[in-house]
Amino acid sequence: MLHIIIHFLVPLLVAYLFFTKNWRFAYLIMVTTMLVDLDHLLATPIYNPSRCSIGFHPLHQIWLIATYVALCFLPKTRLVGIGLSIHMALDAMDCQFMSS
């Protein structure tokens, strides 16, 4: 449950601190990128608390994560890239936390 809450709070903090004029729009775009987790529906079982999503789910592959980071540098895709990169970073941190 904490993992899900953090997925909402970190983008809110980033939007508020770095996109002050349009923080609501920035937050909406970044939170919308959580739809990347729809790829969890392809797994069996759909939810496994001890499974690391990085490298397992189709949209959580390393080469795609590099693409998400690259999107951060293009003005038109910056918010999507930031949202996806935050999401993947939080998932990676969760993997580290689970393995220790």
N, C-alpha and C. Protein backbone atom coordinates (compact mmCIF):
# COMPACT_ATOMS: atom_id res chain seq x y z
N MET A 1 0.82 -1.20 0.00
CA MET A 1 0.00 0.00 0.00
C MET A 1 0.87 1.27 0.00
N LEU A 2 1.95 1.23 0.77
CA LEU A 2 2.86 2.38 0.81
C LEU A 2 3.45 2.64 -0.57
N HIS A 3 3.75 1.58 -1.29
CA HIS A 3 4.31 1.70 -2.64
C HIS A 3 3.37 2.50 -3.55
N ILE A 4 2.09 2.22 -3.48
CA ILE A 4 1.11 2.92 -4.31
C ILE A 4 1.00 4.38 -3.90
N ILE A 5 1.00 4.63 -2.61
CA ILE A 5 0.91 6.02 -2.11
C ILE A 5 2.11 6.83 -2.60
N ILE A 6 3.29 6.24 -2.55
CA ILE A 6 4.50 6.93 -3.00
C ILE A 6 4.41 7.24 -4.49
N HIS A 7 3.79 6.35 -5.27
CA HIS A 7 3.63 6.59 -6.71
C HIS A 7 2.75 7.81 -6.98
N PHE A 8 1.94 8.21 -6.03
CA PHE A 8 1.13 9.42 -6.18
C PHE A 8 1.81 10.65 -5.57
N LEU A 9 2.54 10.45 -4.48
CA LEU A 9 3.15 11.59 -3.78
C LEU A 9 4.40 12.14 -4.46
N VAL A 10 5.26 11.28 -4.97
CA VAL A 10 6.50 11.76 -5.60
C VAL A 10 6.21 12.61 -6.84
N PRO A 11 5.32 12.17 -7.76
CA PRO A 11 5.00 13.04 -8.89
C PRO A 11 4.37 14.37 -8.45
N LEU A 12 3.57 14.33 -7.38
CA LEU A 12 2.98 15.56 -6.86
C LEU A 12 4.07 16.52 -6.39
N LEU A 13 5.03 16.00 -5.67
CA LEU A 13 6.14 16.82 -5.19
C LEU A 13 6.95 17.40 -6.35
N VAL A 14 7.25 16.58 -7.34
CA VAL A 14 8.02 17.03 -8.51
C VAL A 14 7.23 18.09 -9.27
N ALA A 15 5.94 17.84 -9.47
CA ALA A 15 5.11 18.81 -10.20
C ALA A 15 5.05 20.14 -9.46
N TYR A 16 4.87 20.08 -8.17
CA TYR A 16 4.73 21.30 -7.37
C TYR A 16 6.04 22.09 -7.30
N LEU A 17 7.16 21.39 -7.20
CA LEU A 17 8.45 22.06 -7.06
C LEU A 17 9.02 22.58 -8.39
N PHE A 18 8.82 21.83 -9.47
CA PHE A 18 9.49 22.16 -10.72
C PHE A 18 8.58 22.70 -11.83
N PHE A 19 7.29 22.56 -11.66
CA PHE A 19 6.34 23.05 -12.66
C PHE A 19 5.28 23.90 -11.96
N THR A 20 5.73 24.89 -11.21
CA THR A 20 4.86 25.65 -10.32
C THR A 20 3.68 26.33 -11.02
N LYS A 21 3.90 26.86 -12.21
CA LYS A 21 2.80 27.55 -12.90
C LYS A 21 1.71 26.59 -13.35
N ASN A 22 2.10 25.42 -13.81
CA ASN A 22 1.14 24.43 -14.31
C ASN A 22 1.26 23.12 -13.55
N TRP A 23 1.42 23.20 -12.24
CA TRP A 23 1.70 21.99 -11.46
C TRP A 23 0.56 20.99 -11.54
N ARG A 24 -0.68 21.43 -11.63
CA ARG A 24 -1.82 20.50 -11.71
C ARG A 24 -1.77 19.70 -13.02
N PHE A 25 -1.51 20.39 -14.11
CA PHE A 25 -1.41 19.71 -15.41
C PHE A 25 -0.23 18.75 -15.40
N ALA A 26 0.91 19.20 -14.88
CA ALA A 26 2.10 18.34 -14.82
C ALA A 26 1.82 17.10 -13.98
N TYR A 27 1.16 17.30 -12.86
CA TYR A 27 0.82 16.16 -11.99
C TYR A 27 -0.11 15.19 -12.69
N LEU A 28 -1.11 15.72 -13.37
CA LEU A 28 -2.06 14.86 -14.09
C LEU A 28 -1.35 13.99 -15.13
N ILE A 29 -0.46 14.59 -15.90
CA ILE A 29 0.29 13.83 -16.91
C ILE A 29 1.16 12.77 -16.24
N MET A 30 1.88 13.16 -15.19
CA MET A 30 2.79 12.21 -14.54
C MET A 30 2.03 11.07 -13.88
N VAL A 31 0.89 11.36 -13.28
CA VAL A 31 0.10 10.29 -12.65
C VAL A 31 -0.51 9.39 -13.72
N THR A 32 -0.87 9.96 -14.85
CA THR A 32 -1.44 9.16 -15.94
C THR A 32 -0.44 8.12 -16.44
N THR A 33 0.83 8.41 -16.32
CA THR A 33 1.84 7.44 -16.77
C THR A 33 1.83 6.17 -15.92
N MET A 34 1.11 6.19 -14.82
CA MET A 34 0.99 4.96 -14.02
C MET A 34 0.23 3.87 -14.77
N LEU A 35 -0.41 4.26 -15.87
CA LEU A 35 -1.07 3.26 -16.71
C LEU A 35 -0.08 2.25 -17.27
N VAL A 36 1.20 2.56 -17.18
CA VAL A 36 2.24 1.62 -17.61
C VAL A 36 2.10 0.30 -16.83
N ASP A 37 1.50 0.36 -15.68
CA ASP A 37 1.32 -0.85 -14.87
C ASP A 37 0.23 -1.78 -15.40
N LEU A 38 -0.43 -1.38 -16.47
CA LEU A 38 -1.39 -2.30 -17.09
C LEU A 38 -0.71 -3.57 -17.60
N ASP A 39 0.60 -3.47 -17.82
CA ASP A 39 1.32 -4.67 -18.27
C ASP A 39 1.35 -5.75 -17.20
N HIS A 40 1.02 -5.41 -15.97
CA HIS A 40 0.96 -6.41 -14.90
C HIS A 40 -0.18 -7.39 -15.16
N LEU A 41 -1.18 -6.97 -15.94
CA LEU A 41 -2.31 -7.84 -16.25
C LEU A 41 -1.89 -9.03 -17.13
N LEU A 42 -0.73 -8.94 -17.75
CA LEU A 42 -0.24 -10.02 -18.60
C LEU A 42 0.50 -11.10 -17.81
N ALA A 43 0.75 -10.85 -16.53
CA ALA A 43 1.51 -11.79 -15.72
C ALA A 43 0.58 -12.78 -15.02
N THR A 44 1.14 -13.95 -14.71
CA THR A 44 0.41 -14.94 -13.94
C THR A 44 1.26 -15.32 -12.74
N PRO A 45 0.81 -15.07 -11.55
CA PRO A 45 -0.39 -14.34 -11.17
C PRO A 45 -0.23 -12.85 -11.46
N ILE A 46 -1.34 -12.15 -11.54
CA ILE A 46 -1.31 -10.72 -11.84
C ILE A 46 -0.51 -9.97 -10.78
N TYR A 47 -0.72 -10.30 -9.52
CA TYR A 47 0.00 -9.64 -8.43
C TYR A 47 0.80 -10.68 -7.65
N ASN A 48 2.08 -10.42 -7.52
CA ASN A 48 2.95 -11.25 -6.71
C ASN A 48 3.83 -10.30 -5.91
N PRO A 49 3.59 -10.20 -4.60
CA PRO A 49 4.32 -9.21 -3.79
C PRO A 49 5.83 -9.42 -3.75
N SER A 50 6.30 -10.60 -4.07
CA SER A 50 7.74 -10.85 -4.01
C SER A 50 8.41 -10.77 -5.39
N ARG A 51 7.66 -10.36 -6.42
CA ARG A 51 8.22 -10.29 -7.77
C ARG A 51 8.67 -8.85 -8.07
N CYS A 52 9.85 -8.74 -8.64
CA CYS A 52 10.36 -7.44 -9.08
C CYS A 52 9.82 -7.16 -10.48
N SER A 53 9.17 -6.03 -10.65
CA SER A 53 8.57 -5.72 -11.96
C SER A 53 9.61 -5.31 -13.00
N ILE A 54 10.74 -4.75 -12.54
CA ILE A 54 11.78 -4.33 -13.48
C ILE A 54 12.39 -5.55 -14.15
N GLY A 55 12.33 -5.56 -15.48
CA GLY A 55 12.86 -6.68 -16.24
C GLY A 55 11.89 -7.84 -16.39
N PHE A 56 10.77 -7.82 -15.65
CA PHE A 56 9.81 -8.90 -15.75
C PHE A 56 8.64 -8.54 -16.66
N HIS A 57 8.02 -7.41 -16.38
CA HIS A 57 6.85 -6.99 -17.16
C HIS A 57 7.30 -6.31 -18.47
N PRO A 58 6.50 -6.46 -19.53
CA PRO A 58 6.92 -5.95 -20.85
C PRO A 58 7.27 -4.46 -20.89
N LEU A 59 6.54 -3.62 -20.20
CA LEU A 59 6.82 -2.18 -20.23
C LEU A 59 7.80 -1.74 -19.15
N HIS A 60 8.38 -2.70 -18.45
CA HIS A 60 9.36 -2.42 -17.40
C HIS A 60 10.74 -2.98 -17.78
N GLN A 61 11.02 -3.08 -19.07
CA GLN A 61 12.29 -3.60 -19.55
C GLN A 61 13.35 -2.49 -19.54
N ILE A 62 14.59 -2.88 -19.35
CA ILE A 62 15.69 -1.91 -19.24
C ILE A 62 15.78 -1.01 -20.47
N TRP A 63 15.67 -1.58 -21.68
CA TRP A 63 15.78 -0.76 -22.89
C TRP A 63 14.65 0.24 -22.98
N LEU A 64 13.47 -0.10 -22.47
CA LEU A 64 12.37 0.86 -22.47
C LEU A 64 12.59 1.95 -21.42
N ILE A 65 13.17 1.57 -20.30
CA ILE A 65 13.46 2.56 -19.26
C ILE A 65 14.43 3.60 -19.81
N ALA A 66 15.40 3.18 -20.60
CA ALA A 66 16.32 4.12 -21.25
C ALA A 66 15.55 5.06 -22.18
N THR A 67 14.55 4.53 -22.87
CA THR A 67 13.71 5.36 -23.73
C THR A 67 12.91 6.37 -22.90
N TYR A 68 12.39 5.92 -21.75
CA TYR A 68 11.63 6.82 -20.88
C TYR A 68 12.51 7.98 -20.40
N VAL A 69 13.75 7.68 -20.08
CA VAL A 69 14.68 8.73 -19.65
C VAL A 69 14.96 9.68 -20.81
N ALA A 70 15.12 9.16 -22.01
CA ALA A 70 15.36 10.00 -23.19
C ALA A 70 14.19 10.95 -23.44
N LEU A 71 12.96 10.49 -23.15
CA LEU A 71 11.79 11.36 -23.34
C LEU A 71 11.83 12.61 -22.46
N CYS A 72 12.57 12.54 -21.37
CA CYS A 72 12.70 13.68 -20.46
C CYS A 72 13.39 14.88 -21.12
N PHE A 73 14.18 14.62 -22.14
CA PHE A 73 14.97 15.67 -22.76
C PHE A 73 14.28 16.33 -23.96
N LEU A 74 13.12 15.83 -24.32
CA LEU A 74 12.36 16.42 -25.42
C LEU A 74 11.20 17.23 -24.85
N PRO A 75 11.11 18.51 -25.17
CA PRO A 75 10.07 19.35 -24.56
C PRO A 75 8.66 18.81 -24.66
N LYS A 76 8.28 18.24 -25.79
CA LYS A 76 6.91 17.77 -25.97
C LYS A 76 6.59 16.50 -25.19
N THR A 77 7.60 15.74 -24.83
CA THR A 77 7.38 14.49 -24.11
C THR A 77 7.98 14.51 -22.70
N ARG A 78 8.44 15.66 -22.28
CA ARG A 78 9.15 15.78 -21.00
C ARG A 78 8.33 15.25 -19.82
N LEU A 79 7.08 15.68 -19.70
CA LEU A 79 6.28 15.26 -18.54
C LEU A 79 6.02 13.76 -18.55
N VAL A 80 5.76 13.21 -19.72
CA VAL A 80 5.56 11.76 -19.83
C VAL A 80 6.85 11.03 -19.44
N GLY A 81 7.98 11.51 -19.94
CA GLY A 81 9.26 10.91 -19.61
C GLY A 81 9.58 10.98 -18.13
N ILE A 82 9.31 12.13 -17.53
CA ILE A 82 9.57 12.28 -16.10
C ILE A 82 8.66 11.35 -15.31
N GLY A 83 7.39 11.30 -15.68
CA GLY A 83 6.45 10.42 -14.97
C GLY A 83 6.86 8.96 -15.06
N LEU A 84 7.22 8.52 -16.26
CA LEU A 84 7.64 7.13 -16.44
C LEU A 84 8.96 6.84 -15.73
N SER A 85 9.87 7.79 -15.77
CA SER A 85 11.17 7.59 -15.11
C SER A 85 11.00 7.53 -13.59
N ILE A 86 10.16 8.38 -13.05
CA ILE A 86 9.87 8.33 -11.60
C ILE A 86 9.28 6.98 -11.26
N HIS A 87 8.32 6.55 -12.06
CA HIS A 87 7.65 5.27 -11.82
C HIS A 87 8.66 4.12 -11.80
N MET A 88 9.54 4.09 -12.79
CA MET A 88 10.52 3.01 -12.87
C MET A 88 11.53 3.09 -11.73
N ALA A 89 11.92 4.30 -11.36
CA ALA A 89 12.85 4.46 -10.24
C ALA A 89 12.23 3.96 -8.94
N LEU A 90 10.96 4.28 -8.73
CA LEU A 90 10.29 3.82 -7.52
C LEU A 90 10.12 2.30 -7.53
N ASP A 91 9.82 1.73 -8.70
CA ASP A 91 9.72 0.28 -8.80
C ASP A 91 11.08 -0.38 -8.55
N ALA A 92 12.15 0.22 -9.05
CA ALA A 92 13.49 -0.32 -8.84
C ALA A 92 13.86 -0.26 -7.34
N MET A 93 13.50 0.84 -6.69
CA MET A 93 13.74 0.97 -5.26
C MET A 93 12.96 -0.09 -4.49
N ASP A 94 11.75 -0.36 -4.93
CA ASP A 94 10.94 -1.39 -4.29
C ASP A 94 11.59 -2.76 -4.45
N CYS A 95 12.17 -3.02 -5.62
CA CYS A 95 12.88 -4.28 -5.85
C CYS A 95 14.06 -4.42 -4.89
N GLN A 96 14.79 -3.33 -4.72
CA GLN A 96 15.93 -3.35 -3.79
C GLN A 96 15.46 -3.59 -2.36
N PHE A 97 14.38 -2.95 -1.99
CA PHE A 97 13.84 -3.10 -0.64
C PHE A 97 13.37 -4.55 -0.40
N MET A 98 12.74 -5.14 -1.40
CA MET A 98 12.25 -6.52 -1.27
C MET A 98 13.39 -7.52 -1.17
N SER A 99 14.49 -7.25 -1.85
CA SER A 99 15.59 -8.22 -1.86
C SER A 99 16.46 -8.15 -0.61
N SER A 100 16.28 -7.09 0.19
CA SER A 100 17.11 -7.03 1.41
C SER A 100 16.38 -7.51 2.63
